[in-house]
N, C-alpha and C. Protein backbone atom coordinates (compact mmCIF):
# COMPACT_ATOMS: atom_id res chain seq x y z
N MET A 1 128.89 -58.62 30.81
CA MET A 1 128.67 -57.50 31.67
C MET A 1 127.95 -57.96 32.93
N ALA A 2 128.22 -57.29 34.04
CA ALA A 2 127.63 -57.69 35.32
C ALA A 2 126.13 -57.43 35.33
N ARG A 3 125.44 -58.12 36.27
CA ARG A 3 123.99 -58.00 36.35
C ARG A 3 123.56 -56.68 37.00
N HIS A 4 124.49 -55.99 37.66
CA HIS A 4 124.11 -54.72 38.31
C HIS A 4 125.13 -53.64 37.94
N GLN A 5 124.68 -52.44 37.93
CA GLN A 5 125.49 -51.30 37.51
C GLN A 5 125.54 -50.25 38.63
N THR A 6 125.73 -50.67 39.85
CA THR A 6 125.65 -49.76 41.00
C THR A 6 126.68 -48.65 40.91
N TYR A 7 127.91 -48.99 40.54
CA TYR A 7 128.95 -47.96 40.47
C TYR A 7 128.57 -46.87 39.47
N THR A 8 128.16 -47.26 38.29
CA THR A 8 127.81 -46.27 37.27
C THR A 8 126.52 -45.53 37.62
N ASP A 9 125.65 -46.16 38.42
CA ASP A 9 124.44 -45.47 38.87
C ASP A 9 124.76 -44.40 39.92
N LEU A 10 125.77 -44.65 40.73
CA LEU A 10 126.12 -43.72 41.81
C LEU A 10 127.15 -42.68 41.40
N VAL A 11 128.14 -43.08 40.60
CA VAL A 11 129.23 -42.18 40.24
C VAL A 11 129.00 -41.64 38.84
N GLU A 12 128.85 -40.32 38.76
CA GLU A 12 128.51 -39.69 37.49
C GLU A 12 129.73 -39.32 36.65
N GLY A 13 130.91 -39.36 37.24
CA GLY A 13 132.12 -39.01 36.49
C GLY A 13 133.34 -39.13 37.38
N ASP A 14 134.52 -38.88 36.77
CA ASP A 14 135.77 -39.02 37.52
C ASP A 14 135.89 -38.02 38.67
N ASP A 15 135.26 -36.87 38.53
CA ASP A 15 135.36 -35.85 39.57
C ASP A 15 134.16 -35.84 40.51
N ASP A 16 133.36 -36.88 40.49
CA ASP A 16 132.16 -36.98 41.34
C ASP A 16 132.53 -37.59 42.70
N THR A 17 133.01 -36.74 43.57
CA THR A 17 133.44 -37.20 44.90
C THR A 17 132.26 -37.73 45.71
N ILE A 18 131.13 -37.06 45.64
CA ILE A 18 129.94 -37.50 46.38
C ILE A 18 129.53 -38.89 45.91
N GLY A 19 129.55 -39.12 44.60
CA GLY A 19 129.20 -40.44 44.06
C GLY A 19 130.16 -41.52 44.54
N ARG A 20 131.43 -41.21 44.58
CA ARG A 20 132.42 -42.19 45.05
C ARG A 20 132.21 -42.52 46.53
N ILE A 21 131.89 -41.51 47.31
CA ILE A 21 131.62 -41.75 48.73
C ILE A 21 130.32 -42.54 48.87
N ALA A 22 129.32 -42.22 48.06
CA ALA A 22 128.05 -42.97 48.08
C ALA A 22 128.30 -44.44 47.74
N TYR A 23 129.19 -44.68 46.78
CA TYR A 23 129.51 -46.07 46.42
C TYR A 23 130.18 -46.80 47.59
N SER A 24 131.03 -46.09 48.32
CA SER A 24 131.67 -46.75 49.46
C SER A 24 130.65 -47.04 50.56
N ILE A 25 129.63 -46.18 50.70
CA ILE A 25 128.56 -46.46 51.66
C ILE A 25 127.79 -47.71 51.22
N TYR A 26 127.50 -47.78 49.92
CA TYR A 26 126.84 -48.97 49.37
C TYR A 26 127.66 -50.23 49.65
N LYS A 27 128.97 -50.14 49.39
CA LYS A 27 129.83 -51.31 49.61
C LYS A 27 129.87 -51.70 51.09
N GLY A 28 129.85 -50.69 51.97
CA GLY A 28 129.82 -50.98 53.40
C GLY A 28 128.55 -51.71 53.81
N GLU A 29 127.41 -51.27 53.28
CA GLU A 29 126.15 -51.95 53.57
C GLU A 29 126.15 -53.37 53.00
N LYS A 30 126.69 -53.52 51.82
CA LYS A 30 126.74 -54.84 51.19
C LYS A 30 127.61 -55.79 52.03
N LEU A 31 128.77 -55.29 52.49
CA LEU A 31 129.65 -56.12 53.32
C LEU A 31 128.96 -56.48 54.63
N ALA A 32 128.27 -55.53 55.25
CA ALA A 32 127.55 -55.81 56.50
C ALA A 32 126.46 -56.86 56.27
N TRP A 33 125.71 -56.74 55.14
CA TRP A 33 124.68 -57.72 54.83
C TRP A 33 125.30 -59.12 54.66
N MET A 34 126.43 -59.19 53.92
CA MET A 34 127.08 -60.48 53.68
C MET A 34 127.57 -61.10 54.98
N GLN A 35 128.09 -60.29 55.88
CA GLN A 35 128.57 -60.81 57.18
C GLN A 35 127.40 -61.31 58.02
N SER A 36 126.31 -60.57 58.03
CA SER A 36 125.15 -61.04 58.81
C SER A 36 124.56 -62.32 58.19
N TYR A 37 124.58 -62.42 56.88
CA TYR A 37 124.11 -63.63 56.21
C TYR A 37 124.98 -64.82 56.60
N GLU A 38 126.30 -64.60 56.59
CA GLU A 38 127.22 -65.69 56.94
C GLU A 38 127.02 -66.11 58.39
N LYS A 39 126.78 -65.15 59.26
CA LYS A 39 126.57 -65.46 60.68
C LYS A 39 125.27 -66.25 60.85
N ALA A 40 124.23 -65.90 60.12
CA ALA A 40 122.92 -66.56 60.25
C ALA A 40 122.90 -67.94 59.61
N HIS A 41 123.62 -68.12 58.48
CA HIS A 41 123.56 -69.37 57.74
C HIS A 41 124.82 -70.22 57.86
N GLY A 42 125.85 -69.70 58.47
CA GLY A 42 127.08 -70.45 58.64
C GLY A 42 127.91 -70.58 57.37
N ARG A 43 127.60 -69.81 56.37
CA ARG A 43 128.36 -69.84 55.13
C ARG A 43 128.20 -68.50 54.42
N GLU A 44 129.11 -68.22 53.46
CA GLU A 44 129.01 -67.00 52.67
C GLU A 44 127.88 -67.15 51.67
N PRO A 45 127.21 -66.04 51.34
CA PRO A 45 126.14 -66.14 50.33
C PRO A 45 126.73 -66.31 48.93
N THR A 46 126.00 -66.97 48.08
CA THR A 46 126.42 -67.11 46.69
C THR A 46 126.11 -65.80 45.96
N ASP A 47 126.66 -65.67 44.75
CA ASP A 47 126.41 -64.45 43.96
C ASP A 47 124.91 -64.29 43.68
N ASP A 48 124.22 -65.40 43.41
CA ASP A 48 122.79 -65.32 43.15
C ASP A 48 122.03 -64.87 44.40
N GLU A 49 122.43 -65.36 45.58
CA GLU A 49 121.77 -64.96 46.82
C GLU A 49 122.02 -63.46 47.10
N VAL A 50 123.23 -63.00 46.83
CA VAL A 50 123.53 -61.57 47.01
C VAL A 50 122.65 -60.76 46.08
N PHE A 51 122.53 -61.19 44.83
CA PHE A 51 121.74 -60.44 43.86
C PHE A 51 120.27 -60.41 44.26
N VAL A 52 119.73 -61.56 44.62
CA VAL A 52 118.31 -61.65 44.95
C VAL A 52 118.00 -60.92 46.26
N ASN A 53 118.83 -61.12 47.27
CA ASN A 53 118.52 -60.58 48.61
C ASN A 53 119.05 -59.16 48.86
N PHE A 54 120.05 -58.72 48.12
CA PHE A 54 120.61 -57.41 48.39
C PHE A 54 120.47 -56.46 47.20
N HIS A 55 120.91 -56.89 46.03
CA HIS A 55 120.97 -55.98 44.89
C HIS A 55 119.60 -55.54 44.37
N HIS A 56 118.60 -56.35 44.57
CA HIS A 56 117.28 -55.94 44.06
C HIS A 56 116.76 -54.70 44.79
N SER A 57 117.24 -54.45 46.02
CA SER A 57 116.77 -53.28 46.77
C SER A 57 117.64 -52.04 46.55
N VAL A 58 118.76 -52.20 45.84
CA VAL A 58 119.70 -51.09 45.65
C VAL A 58 119.11 -49.94 44.84
N PRO A 59 118.40 -50.17 43.71
CA PRO A 59 117.90 -49.02 42.94
C PRO A 59 117.06 -48.05 43.78
N GLY A 60 116.32 -48.55 44.72
CA GLY A 60 115.51 -47.68 45.57
C GLY A 60 116.36 -46.93 46.60
N LYS A 61 117.58 -47.37 46.82
CA LYS A 61 118.45 -46.76 47.84
C LYS A 61 119.48 -45.80 47.25
N LEU A 62 119.54 -45.67 45.95
CA LEU A 62 120.57 -44.84 45.32
C LEU A 62 120.55 -43.40 45.82
N ARG A 63 119.33 -42.83 45.89
CA ARG A 63 119.22 -41.44 46.38
C ARG A 63 119.69 -41.34 47.83
N ARG A 64 119.32 -42.33 48.64
CA ARG A 64 119.74 -42.32 50.05
C ARG A 64 121.26 -42.40 50.15
N TYR A 65 121.89 -43.24 49.32
CA TYR A 65 123.36 -43.34 49.36
C TYR A 65 124.00 -41.98 49.04
N ARG A 66 123.49 -41.32 48.02
CA ARG A 66 124.04 -40.00 47.66
C ARG A 66 123.75 -38.98 48.76
N ALA A 67 122.56 -39.02 49.35
CA ALA A 67 122.22 -38.09 50.43
C ALA A 67 123.12 -38.34 51.66
N ASP A 68 123.34 -39.62 51.98
CA ASP A 68 124.22 -39.95 53.10
C ASP A 68 125.66 -39.49 52.82
N ALA A 69 126.09 -39.66 51.58
CA ALA A 69 127.44 -39.22 51.20
C ALA A 69 127.56 -37.71 51.31
N LEU A 70 126.54 -36.99 50.84
CA LEU A 70 126.55 -35.53 50.93
C LEU A 70 126.55 -35.08 52.39
N ALA A 71 125.75 -35.74 53.23
CA ALA A 71 125.72 -35.40 54.66
C ALA A 71 127.08 -35.67 55.30
N LEU A 72 127.72 -36.76 54.92
CA LEU A 72 129.04 -37.09 55.46
C LEU A 72 130.08 -36.04 55.06
N VAL A 73 130.05 -35.64 53.80
CA VAL A 73 130.98 -34.60 53.33
C VAL A 73 130.71 -33.29 54.04
N ASN A 74 129.44 -32.94 54.20
CA ASN A 74 129.11 -31.69 54.90
C ASN A 74 129.56 -31.71 56.36
N ARG A 75 129.38 -32.85 57.03
CA ARG A 75 129.87 -32.97 58.41
C ARG A 75 131.39 -32.79 58.46
N TYR A 76 132.07 -33.40 57.51
CA TYR A 76 133.53 -33.27 57.45
C TYR A 76 133.93 -31.81 57.23
N ILE A 77 133.26 -31.16 56.30
CA ILE A 77 133.57 -29.75 56.01
C ILE A 77 133.30 -28.89 57.25
N ASP A 78 132.17 -29.15 57.93
CA ASP A 78 131.84 -28.40 59.15
C ASP A 78 132.92 -28.58 60.21
N GLN A 79 133.37 -29.82 60.39
CA GLN A 79 134.41 -30.09 61.40
C GLN A 79 135.71 -29.38 61.03
N GLU A 80 136.07 -29.45 59.76
CA GLU A 80 137.31 -28.80 59.32
C GLU A 80 137.20 -27.28 59.44
N MET A 81 136.04 -26.74 59.09
CA MET A 81 135.84 -25.29 59.21
C MET A 81 135.92 -24.86 60.67
N GLU A 82 135.33 -25.66 61.56
CA GLU A 82 135.39 -25.33 62.98
C GLU A 82 136.83 -25.36 63.48
N THR A 83 137.58 -26.37 63.07
CA THR A 83 138.99 -26.47 63.46
C THR A 83 139.78 -25.28 62.92
N GLU A 84 139.56 -24.94 61.66
CA GLU A 84 140.26 -23.81 61.06
C GLU A 84 139.84 -22.49 61.72
N LEU A 85 138.57 -22.39 62.08
CA LEU A 85 138.10 -21.17 62.75
C LEU A 85 138.76 -21.01 64.11
N ILE A 86 138.91 -22.09 64.83
CA ILE A 86 139.59 -22.04 66.13
C ILE A 86 141.04 -21.62 65.93
N LYS A 87 141.70 -22.20 64.93
CA LYS A 87 143.09 -21.81 64.64
C LYS A 87 143.17 -20.34 64.25
N TYR A 88 142.23 -19.89 63.43
CA TYR A 88 142.22 -18.50 62.98
C TYR A 88 142.00 -17.55 64.15
N LYS A 89 141.06 -17.88 65.04
CA LYS A 89 140.81 -17.04 66.21
C LYS A 89 142.06 -16.95 67.09
N PHE A 90 142.73 -18.08 67.27
CA PHE A 90 143.95 -18.09 68.07
C PHE A 90 145.03 -17.22 67.43
N ALA A 91 145.20 -17.36 66.12
CA ALA A 91 146.21 -16.55 65.41
C ALA A 91 145.85 -15.07 65.47
N LEU A 92 144.57 -14.76 65.31
CA LEU A 92 144.12 -13.38 65.37
C LEU A 92 144.35 -12.79 66.75
N LYS A 93 144.06 -13.58 67.78
CA LYS A 93 144.28 -13.12 69.15
C LYS A 93 145.76 -12.85 69.38
N ASN A 94 146.60 -13.74 68.90
CA ASN A 94 148.06 -13.54 69.04
C ASN A 94 148.51 -12.30 68.30
N ASP A 95 147.96 -12.08 67.10
CA ASP A 95 148.31 -10.87 66.34
C ASP A 95 147.92 -9.61 67.10
N LEU A 96 146.74 -9.62 67.71
CA LEU A 96 146.29 -8.45 68.48
C LEU A 96 147.19 -8.20 69.68
N VAL A 97 147.61 -9.28 70.34
CA VAL A 97 148.51 -9.13 71.48
C VAL A 97 149.84 -8.54 71.03
N ILE A 98 150.35 -9.03 69.91
CA ILE A 98 151.63 -8.52 69.39
C ILE A 98 151.47 -7.06 68.98
N GLN A 99 150.34 -6.70 68.38
CA GLN A 99 150.12 -5.31 68.00
C GLN A 99 150.07 -4.41 69.23
N LYS A 100 149.48 -4.90 70.31
CA LYS A 100 149.43 -4.08 71.53
C LYS A 100 150.82 -3.94 72.14
N ILE A 101 151.64 -4.97 72.03
CA ILE A 101 152.99 -4.92 72.58
C ILE A 101 153.90 -4.09 71.68
N ASP A 102 153.83 -4.29 70.40
CA ASP A 102 154.69 -3.58 69.45
C ASP A 102 154.05 -2.25 69.10
N LYS A 103 154.60 -1.17 69.65
CA LYS A 103 154.00 0.15 69.50
C LYS A 103 154.55 0.89 68.29
N GLY A 104 155.50 0.36 67.64
CA GLY A 104 156.09 1.04 66.49
C GLY A 104 157.41 1.69 66.86
N PHE A 105 158.21 1.93 65.82
CA PHE A 105 159.56 2.45 66.03
C PHE A 105 159.56 3.82 66.70
N TRP A 106 158.75 4.76 66.18
CA TRP A 106 158.80 6.13 66.70
C TRP A 106 158.25 6.23 68.12
N ARG A 107 157.21 5.49 68.39
CA ARG A 107 156.67 5.54 69.76
C ARG A 107 157.65 4.92 70.74
N ASN A 108 158.27 3.80 70.36
CA ASN A 108 159.27 3.19 71.23
C ASN A 108 160.45 4.13 71.43
N THR A 109 160.88 4.80 70.36
CA THR A 109 162.00 5.74 70.45
C THR A 109 161.64 6.88 71.41
N PHE A 110 160.45 7.42 71.26
CA PHE A 110 160.00 8.50 72.14
C PHE A 110 159.96 8.05 73.60
N GLU A 111 159.35 6.88 73.84
CA GLU A 111 159.25 6.39 75.22
C GLU A 111 160.63 6.12 75.82
N ASN A 112 161.52 5.53 75.05
CA ASN A 112 162.87 5.25 75.56
C ASN A 112 163.64 6.54 75.80
N GLY A 113 163.49 7.54 74.93
CA GLY A 113 164.14 8.83 75.12
C GLY A 113 163.62 9.52 76.37
N LEU A 114 162.31 9.46 76.57
CA LEU A 114 161.69 10.05 77.75
C LEU A 114 162.19 9.35 79.01
N ALA A 115 162.29 8.03 78.98
CA ALA A 115 162.80 7.29 80.13
C ALA A 115 164.26 7.67 80.40
N GLY A 116 165.06 7.85 79.36
CA GLY A 116 166.46 8.25 79.53
C GLY A 116 166.57 9.64 80.15
N LEU A 117 165.72 10.57 79.70
CA LEU A 117 165.71 11.92 80.29
C LEU A 117 165.30 11.87 81.76
N PHE A 118 164.33 11.04 82.07
CA PHE A 118 163.89 10.90 83.45
C PHE A 118 165.02 10.36 84.33
N GLN A 119 165.73 9.36 83.83
CA GLN A 119 166.86 8.81 84.59
C GLN A 119 167.96 9.85 84.76
N ALA A 120 168.24 10.61 83.73
CA ALA A 120 169.26 11.66 83.82
C ALA A 120 168.83 12.72 84.84
N ALA A 121 167.56 13.07 84.85
CA ALA A 121 167.06 14.05 85.81
C ALA A 121 167.22 13.53 87.24
N ILE A 122 166.97 12.25 87.45
CA ILE A 122 167.15 11.66 88.78
C ILE A 122 168.61 11.75 89.19
N VAL A 123 169.53 11.45 88.29
CA VAL A 123 170.97 11.53 88.60
C VAL A 123 171.36 12.97 88.95
N VAL A 124 170.86 13.94 88.19
CA VAL A 124 171.17 15.35 88.45
C VAL A 124 170.63 15.77 89.82
N VAL A 125 169.40 15.38 90.13
CA VAL A 125 168.80 15.75 91.42
C VAL A 125 169.58 15.13 92.57
N VAL A 126 169.91 13.85 92.48
CA VAL A 126 170.66 13.19 93.55
C VAL A 126 172.05 13.81 93.69
N SER A 127 172.72 14.10 92.59
CA SER A 127 174.05 14.72 92.64
C SER A 127 173.97 16.11 93.27
N THR A 128 172.95 16.87 92.91
CA THR A 128 172.78 18.22 93.48
C THR A 128 172.54 18.14 94.98
N ILE A 129 171.70 17.20 95.40
CA ILE A 129 171.44 17.03 96.84
C ILE A 129 172.73 16.69 97.58
N LEU A 130 173.52 15.79 97.03
CA LEU A 130 174.79 15.42 97.68
C LEU A 130 175.76 16.60 97.70
N TRP A 131 175.80 17.40 96.65
CA TRP A 131 176.69 18.56 96.62
C TRP A 131 176.26 19.60 97.65
N ILE A 132 174.93 19.84 97.72
CA ILE A 132 174.42 20.79 98.71
C ILE A 132 174.71 20.29 100.12
N TYR A 133 174.56 19.00 100.34
CA TYR A 133 174.85 18.42 101.66
C TYR A 133 176.31 18.62 102.02
N SER A 134 177.17 18.53 101.04
CA SER A 134 178.60 18.71 101.33
C SER A 134 178.90 20.15 101.72
N LEU A 135 178.01 21.10 101.40
CA LEU A 135 178.21 22.50 101.75
C LEU A 135 177.54 22.90 103.07
N THR A 136 176.91 21.99 103.74
CA THR A 136 176.23 22.30 105.00
C THR A 136 177.25 22.69 106.06
N PRO A 137 176.83 23.48 107.11
CA PRO A 137 177.77 23.96 108.12
C PRO A 137 178.58 22.85 108.79
N ASP A 138 178.00 21.72 109.09
CA ASP A 138 178.77 20.64 109.72
C ASP A 138 179.90 20.20 108.82
N ASN A 139 179.60 20.03 107.58
CA ASN A 139 180.64 19.62 106.65
C ASN A 139 181.62 20.76 106.39
N MET A 140 181.13 22.02 106.41
CA MET A 140 182.03 23.17 106.19
C MET A 140 183.06 23.24 107.31
N ILE A 141 182.61 23.01 108.53
CA ILE A 141 183.53 23.08 109.68
C ILE A 141 184.54 21.95 109.59
N SER A 142 184.06 20.74 109.34
CA SER A 142 185.01 19.63 109.26
C SER A 142 185.95 19.79 108.08
N ASN A 143 185.42 20.34 106.96
CA ASN A 143 186.28 20.60 105.80
C ASN A 143 187.29 21.71 106.11
N ALA A 144 186.83 22.74 106.84
CA ALA A 144 187.74 23.83 107.21
C ALA A 144 188.84 23.33 108.12
N LYS A 145 188.50 22.51 109.11
CA LYS A 145 189.51 21.93 110.00
C LYS A 145 190.50 21.10 109.21
N LYS A 146 189.97 20.33 108.33
CA LYS A 146 190.83 19.46 107.53
C LYS A 146 191.76 20.31 106.67
N ASN A 147 191.18 21.30 106.00
CA ASN A 147 191.98 22.17 105.13
C ASN A 147 193.02 22.96 105.94
N LEU A 148 192.62 23.45 107.11
CA LEU A 148 193.54 24.20 107.97
C LEU A 148 194.68 23.31 108.43
N GLY A 149 194.34 22.07 108.78
CA GLY A 149 195.38 21.13 109.20
C GLY A 149 196.37 20.85 108.08
N GLU A 150 195.87 20.72 106.87
CA GLU A 150 196.75 20.48 105.72
C GLU A 150 197.64 21.70 105.47
N ILE A 151 197.04 22.86 105.57
CA ILE A 151 197.81 24.10 105.33
C ILE A 151 198.90 24.25 106.39
N VAL A 152 198.54 23.97 107.63
CA VAL A 152 199.52 24.09 108.71
C VAL A 152 200.66 23.11 108.49
N HIS A 153 200.37 21.90 108.13
CA HIS A 153 201.43 20.90 107.91
C HIS A 153 202.31 21.28 106.73
N GLN A 154 201.68 21.84 105.69
CA GLN A 154 202.47 22.22 104.52
C GLN A 154 203.33 23.47 104.81
N ARG A 155 202.82 24.41 105.56
CA ARG A 155 203.51 25.68 105.76
C ARG A 155 204.20 25.78 107.11
N ALA A 156 204.12 24.77 107.89
CA ALA A 156 204.74 24.84 109.23
C ALA A 156 206.23 25.12 109.15
N PRO A 157 206.97 24.47 108.28
CA PRO A 157 208.41 24.78 108.23
C PRO A 157 208.65 26.22 107.79
N GLU A 158 207.84 26.73 106.87
CA GLU A 158 208.02 28.11 106.42
C GLU A 158 207.69 29.09 107.57
N LEU A 159 206.62 28.82 108.28
CA LEU A 159 206.23 29.68 109.39
C LEU A 159 207.29 29.68 110.49
N ALA A 160 207.85 28.52 110.74
CA ALA A 160 208.88 28.43 111.77
C ALA A 160 210.09 29.28 111.37
N LYS A 161 210.47 29.25 110.12
CA LYS A 161 211.58 30.06 109.64
C LYS A 161 211.26 31.55 109.74
N THR A 162 210.01 31.89 109.35
CA THR A 162 209.60 33.30 109.40
C THR A 162 209.61 33.80 110.85
N ILE A 163 209.10 33.01 111.75
CA ILE A 163 209.07 33.42 113.17
C ILE A 163 210.50 33.53 113.70
N ALA A 164 211.35 32.63 113.34
CA ALA A 164 212.75 32.65 113.82
C ALA A 164 213.47 33.84 113.23
N SER A 165 213.21 34.19 112.01
CA SER A 165 213.90 35.32 111.41
C SER A 165 213.40 36.64 111.97
N GLU A 166 212.18 36.74 112.33
CA GLU A 166 211.65 37.93 112.93
C GLU A 166 212.15 38.09 114.36
N ALA A 167 212.36 37.00 115.00
CA ALA A 167 212.84 37.08 116.39
C ALA A 167 214.30 37.52 116.40
N ASN A 168 215.03 37.33 115.44
CA ASN A 168 216.45 37.71 115.42
C ASN A 168 216.55 39.09 115.02
């Protein structure tokens, strides 16, 4: 069995996510220590050097690893909640806009029917104005001249016969 039990000290069970994250923080610190040791001494540390210089301080850091893991998870949750809140606000705003635009079947039907009646009333008013204009004295005179001219052309042969027969 190994000389240290860091994993079992940090991870309390298969579903202990905080413990697993704490263990990865521990491993990150261990890797950083080993790299700095290699840089300072020009070689990798031996297992005994790692145990003496790094592992002996681990028991005192276990709580800190778990606290750092918990803080990391909380920051992640906060970021995700903020992102989801922004998405929710945007969706809610869009829903409110759609609700303001979509007035419902009966209201739309009423408004469209009212608009149709208004358009029909405009057509009736314009048609009535044009009909009344056609009855004005200027148009009556021109219409009378036109009608008289048509009547004369249609009945001219009959009138000529009538006048000729009366003259005889």
